[in-house]
Amino acid sequence: MPRLTDQEQQEIIRYIEADKLLPDKFRFLLFEDKREVELVWYGKSS
């Protein structure tokens, strides 16, 4: 996992203290989720 900068850590703490959801950018910094997602529906080509 990449190390968070001090600024990123402080920003995360502010979100948590304010009881707000973390922005998506932190999801990718905090969690190593390598799954790929694809939308599939009837009639979709490719």
PDB file of N, CA and C in Angstrom:
ATOM      1  N   MET A   1       0.851  -1.179   0.000  1.00  0.00           N
ATOM      2  CA  MET A   1       0.000   0.000   0.000  1.00  0.00           C
ATOM      3  C   MET A   1       0.893   1.236   0.000  1.00  0.00           C
ATOM      4  N   PRO A   2       0.595   2.204  -0.870  1.00  0.00           N
ATOM      5  CA  PRO A   2       1.402   3.423  -0.884  1.00  0.00           C
ATOM      6  C   PRO A   2       1.220   4.200   0.413  1.00  0.00           C
ATOM      7  N   ARG A   3       2.280   4.824   0.825  1.00  0.00           N
ATOM      8  CA  ARG A   3       2.226   5.618   2.058  1.00  0.00           C
ATOM      9  C   ARG A   3       1.475   6.909   1.790  1.00  0.00           C
ATOM     10  N   LEU A   4       0.597   7.256   2.725  1.00  0.00           N
ATOM     11  CA  LEU A   4      -0.136   8.520   2.625  1.00  0.00           C
ATOM     12  C   LEU A   4       0.746   9.660   3.102  1.00  0.00           C
ATOM     13  N   THR A   5       0.614  10.803   2.461  1.00  0.00           N
ATOM     14  CA  THR A   5       1.343  11.983   2.917  1.00  0.00           C
ATOM     15  C   THR A   5       0.696  12.486   4.205  1.00  0.00           C
ATOM     16  N   ASP A   6       1.426  13.323   4.932  1.00  0.00           N
ATOM     17  CA  ASP A   6       0.867  13.914   6.151  1.00  0.00           C
ATOM     18  C   ASP A   6      -0.389  14.719   5.835  1.00  0.00           C
ATOM     19  N   GLN A   7      -0.375  15.409   4.702  1.00  0.00           N
ATOM     20  CA  GLN A   7      -1.534  16.209   4.297  1.00  0.00           C
ATOM     21  C   GLN A   7      -2.744  15.311   4.032  1.00  0.00           C
ATOM     22  N   GLU A   8      -2.530  14.189   3.351  1.00  0.00           N
ATOM     23  CA  GLU A   8      -3.624  13.250   3.083  1.00  0.00           C
ATOM     24  C   GLU A   8      -4.173  12.666   4.383  1.00  0.00           C
ATOM     25  N   GLN A   9      -3.282  12.333   5.300  1.00  0.00           N
ATOM     26  CA  GLN A   9      -3.715  11.800   6.587  1.00  0.00           C
ATOM     27  C   GLN A   9      -4.573  12.816   7.338  1.00  0.00           C
ATOM     28  N   GLN A  10      -4.140  14.068   7.351  1.00  0.00           N
ATOM     29  CA  GLN A  10      -4.907  15.107   8.035  1.00  0.00           C
ATOM     30  C   GLN A  10      -6.264  15.331   7.380  1.00  0.00           C
ATOM     31  N   GLU A  11      -6.304  15.255   6.062  1.00  0.00           N
ATOM     32  CA  GLU A  11      -7.563  15.422   5.341  1.00  0.00           C
ATOM     33  C   GLU A  11      -8.538  14.299   5.685  1.00  0.00           C
ATOM     34  N   ILE A  12      -8.030  13.077   5.756  1.00  0.00           N
ATOM     35  CA  ILE A  12      -8.870  11.933   6.133  1.00  0.00           C
ATOM     36  C   ILE A  12      -9.401  12.122   7.553  1.00  0.00           C
ATOM     37  N   ILE A  13      -8.556  12.551   8.451  1.00  0.00           N
ATOM     38  CA  ILE A  13      -8.980  12.790   9.831  1.00  0.00           C
ATOM     39  C   ILE A  13     -10.084  13.838   9.888  1.00  0.00           C
ATOM     40  N   ARG A  14      -9.958  14.913   9.098  1.00  0.00           N
ATOM     41  CA  ARG A  14     -10.996  15.959   9.084  1.00  0.00           C
ATOM     42  C   ARG A  14     -12.331  15.401   8.609  1.00  0.00           C
ATOM     43  N   TYR A  15     -12.310  14.562   7.584  1.00  0.00           N
ATOM     44  CA  TYR A  15     -13.552  13.951   7.101  1.00  0.00           C
ATOM     45  C   TYR A  15     -14.177  13.072   8.184  1.00  0.00           C
ATOM     46  N   ILE A  16     -13.359  12.283   8.844  1.00  0.00           N
ATOM     47  CA  ILE A  16     -13.867  11.390   9.884  1.00  0.00           C
ATOM     48  C   ILE A  16     -14.435  12.197  11.049  1.00  0.00           C
ATOM     49  N   GLU A  17     -13.710  13.221  11.479  1.00  0.00           N
ATOM     50  CA  GLU A  17     -14.189  14.042  12.605  1.00  0.00           C
ATOM     51  C   GLU A  17     -15.483  14.770  12.266  1.00  0.00           C
ATOM     52  N   ALA A  18     -15.657  15.119  10.998  1.00  0.00           N
ATOM     53  CA  ALA A  18     -16.877  15.806  10.563  1.00  0.00           C
ATOM     54  C   ALA A  18     -17.992  14.806  10.247  1.00  0.00           C
ATOM     55  N   ASP A  19     -17.727  13.506  10.430  1.00  0.00           N
ATOM     56  CA  ASP A  19     -18.702  12.446  10.150  1.00  0.00           C
ATOM     57  C   ASP A  19     -19.190  12.504   8.703  1.00  0.00           C
ATOM     58  N   LYS A  20     -18.234  12.747   7.789  1.00  0.00           N
ATOM     59  CA  LYS A  20     -18.540  12.804   6.357  1.00  0.00           C
ATOM     60  C   LYS A  20     -17.937  11.598   5.663  1.00  0.00           C
ATOM     61  N   LEU A  21     -18.520  11.235   4.522  1.00  0.00           N
ATOM     62  CA  LEU A  21     -17.978  10.148   3.713  1.00  0.00           C
ATOM     63  C   LEU A  21     -16.655  10.570   3.091  1.00  0.00           C
ATOM     64  N   LEU A  22     -15.745   9.615   2.980  1.00  0.00           N
ATOM     65  CA  LEU A  22     -14.474   9.910   2.330  1.00  0.00           C
ATOM     66  C   LEU A  22     -14.662   9.966   0.820  1.00  0.00           C
ATOM     67  N   PRO A  23     -13.995  10.905   0.149  1.00  0.00           N
ATOM     68  CA  PRO A  23     -14.044  10.947  -1.315  1.00  0.00           C
ATOM     69  C   PRO A  23     -13.417   9.678  -1.908  1.00  0.00           C
ATOM     70  N   ASP A  24     -13.821   9.357  -3.128  1.00  0.00           N
ATOM     71  CA  ASP A  24     -13.324   8.149  -3.797  1.00  0.00           C
ATOM     72  C   ASP A  24     -11.807   8.100  -3.903  1.00  0.00           C
ATOM     73  N   LYS A  25     -11.159   9.255  -4.018  1.00  0.00           N
ATOM     74  CA  LYS A  25      -9.699   9.230  -4.170  1.00  0.00           C
ATOM     75  C   LYS A  25      -9.026   8.522  -2.998  1.00  0.00           C
ATOM     76  N   PHE A  26      -9.616   8.607  -1.816  1.00  0.00           N
ATOM     77  CA  PHE A  26      -9.030   7.941  -0.661  1.00  0.00           C
ATOM     78  C   PHE A  26      -9.317   6.446  -0.669  1.00  0.00           C
ATOM     79  N   ARG A  27     -10.421   6.046  -1.262  1.00  0.00           N
ATOM     80  CA  ARG A  27     -10.722   4.620  -1.353  1.00  0.00           C
ATOM     81  C   ARG A  27      -9.588   3.906  -2.089  1.00  0.00           C
ATOM     82  N   PHE A  28      -9.125   4.508  -3.169  1.00  0.00           N
ATOM     83  CA  PHE A  28      -8.063   3.885  -3.953  1.00  0.00           C
ATOM     84  C   PHE A  28      -6.708   3.978  -3.262  1.00  0.00           C
ATOM     85  N   LEU A  29      -6.524   4.998  -2.429  1.00  0.00           N
ATOM     86  CA  LEU A  29      -5.269   5.105  -1.691  1.00  0.00           C
ATOM     87  C   LEU A  29      -5.226   4.160  -0.494  1.00  0.00           C
ATOM     88  N   LEU A  30      -6.390   3.920   0.118  1.00  0.00           N
ATOM     89  CA  LEU A  30      -6.433   3.128   1.337  1.00  0.00           C
ATOM     90  C   LEU A  30      -6.603   1.635   1.101  1.00  0.00           C
ATOM     91  N   PHE A  31      -7.314   1.270   0.050  1.00  0.00           N
ATOM     92  CA  PHE A  31      -7.652  -0.129  -0.156  1.00  0.00           C
ATOM     93  C   PHE A  31      -7.137  -0.614  -1.503  1.00  0.00           C
ATOM     94  N   GLU A  32      -6.534  -1.766  -1.490  1.00  0.00           N
ATOM     95  CA  GLU A  32      -6.011  -2.355  -2.714  1.00  0.00           C
ATOM     96  C   GLU A  32      -7.067  -3.273  -3.311  1.00  0.00           C
ATOM     97  N   ASP A  33      -7.974  -2.718  -4.056  1.00  0.00           N
ATOM     98  CA  ASP A  33      -9.023  -3.510  -4.692  1.00  0.00           C
ATOM     99  C   ASP A  33      -8.737  -3.534  -6.183  1.00  0.00           C
ATOM    100  N   LYS A  34      -8.236  -4.642  -6.636  1.00  0.00           N
ATOM    101  CA  LYS A  34      -7.815  -4.749  -8.021  1.00  0.00           C
ATOM    102  C   LYS A  34      -8.894  -5.343  -8.920  1.00  0.00           C
ATOM    103  N   ARG A  35     -10.102  -5.558  -8.380  1.00  0.00           N
ATOM    104  CA  ARG A  35     -11.168  -6.138  -9.188  1.00  0.00           C
ATOM    105  C   ARG A  35     -11.570  -5.179 -10.307  1.00  0.00           C
ATOM    106  N   GLU A  36     -11.863  -5.752 -11.446  1.00  0.00           N
ATOM    107  CA  GLU A  36     -12.355  -4.954 -12.561  1.00  0.00           C
ATOM    108  C   GLU A  36     -13.870  -5.062 -12.603  1.00  0.00           C
ATOM    109  N   VAL A  37     -14.517  -3.982 -12.972  1.00  0.00           N
ATOM    110  CA  VAL A  37     -15.976  -3.943 -13.013  1.00  0.00           C
ATOM    111  C   VAL A  37     -16.404  -3.651 -14.437  1.00  0.00           C
ATOM    112  N   GLU A  38     -17.433  -4.365 -14.889  1.00  0.00           N
ATOM    113  CA  GLU A  38     -17.958  -4.145 -16.230  1.00  0.00           C
ATOM    114  C   GLU A  38     -19.479  -4.212 -16.171  1.00  0.00           C
ATOM    115  N   LEU A  39     -20.134  -3.277 -16.818  1.00  0.00           N
ATOM    116  CA  LEU A  39     -21.584  -3.318 -16.933  1.00  0.00           C
ATOM    117  C   LEU A  39     -21.956  -4.154 -18.149  1.00  0.00           C
ATOM    118  N   VAL A  40     -22.863  -5.094 -17.935  1.00  0.00           N
ATOM    119  CA  VAL A  40     -23.291  -5.985 -19.007  1.00  0.00           C
ATOM    120  C   VAL A  40     -24.817  -5.995 -19.032  1.00  0.00           C
ATOM    121  N   TRP A  41     -25.389  -5.856 -20.220  1.00  0.00           N
ATOM    122  CA  TRP A  41     -26.839  -5.919 -20.358  1.00  0.00           C
ATOM    123  C   TRP A  41     -27.186  -6.553 -21.690  1.00  0.00           C
ATOM    124  N   TYR A  42     -28.409  -7.018 -21.782  1.00  0.00           N
ATOM    125  CA  TYR A  42     -28.879  -7.685 -22.982  1.00  0.00           C
ATOM    126  C   TYR A  42     -28.787  -6.719 -24.158  1.00  0.00           C
ATOM    127  N   GLY A  43     -28.200  -7.151 -25.227  1.00  0.00           N
ATOM    128  CA  GLY A  43     -28.073  -6.318 -26.418  1.00  0.00           C
ATOM    129  C   GLY A  43     -26.797  -5.500 -26.472  1.00  0.00           C
ATOM    130  N   LYS A  44     -26.010  -5.531 -25.424  1.00  0.00           N
ATOM    131  CA  LYS A  44     -24.748  -4.783 -25.418  1.00  0.00           C
ATOM    132  C   LYS A  44     -23.760  -5.488 -26.340  1.00  0.00           C
ATOM    133  N   SER A  45     -23.087  -4.716 -27.177  1.00  0.00           N
ATOM    134  CA  SER A  45     -22.048  -5.307 -28.013  1.00  0.00           C
ATOM    135  C   SER A  45     -20.690  -4.840 -27.490  1.00  0.00           C
ATOM    136  N   SER A  46     -19.783  -5.767 -27.336  1.00  0.00           N
ATOM    137  CA  SER A  46     -18.432  -5.569 -26.785  1.00  0.00           C
ATOM    138  C   SER A  46     -18.461  -5.305 -25.343  1.00  0.00           C
TER     139      SER A  46
END
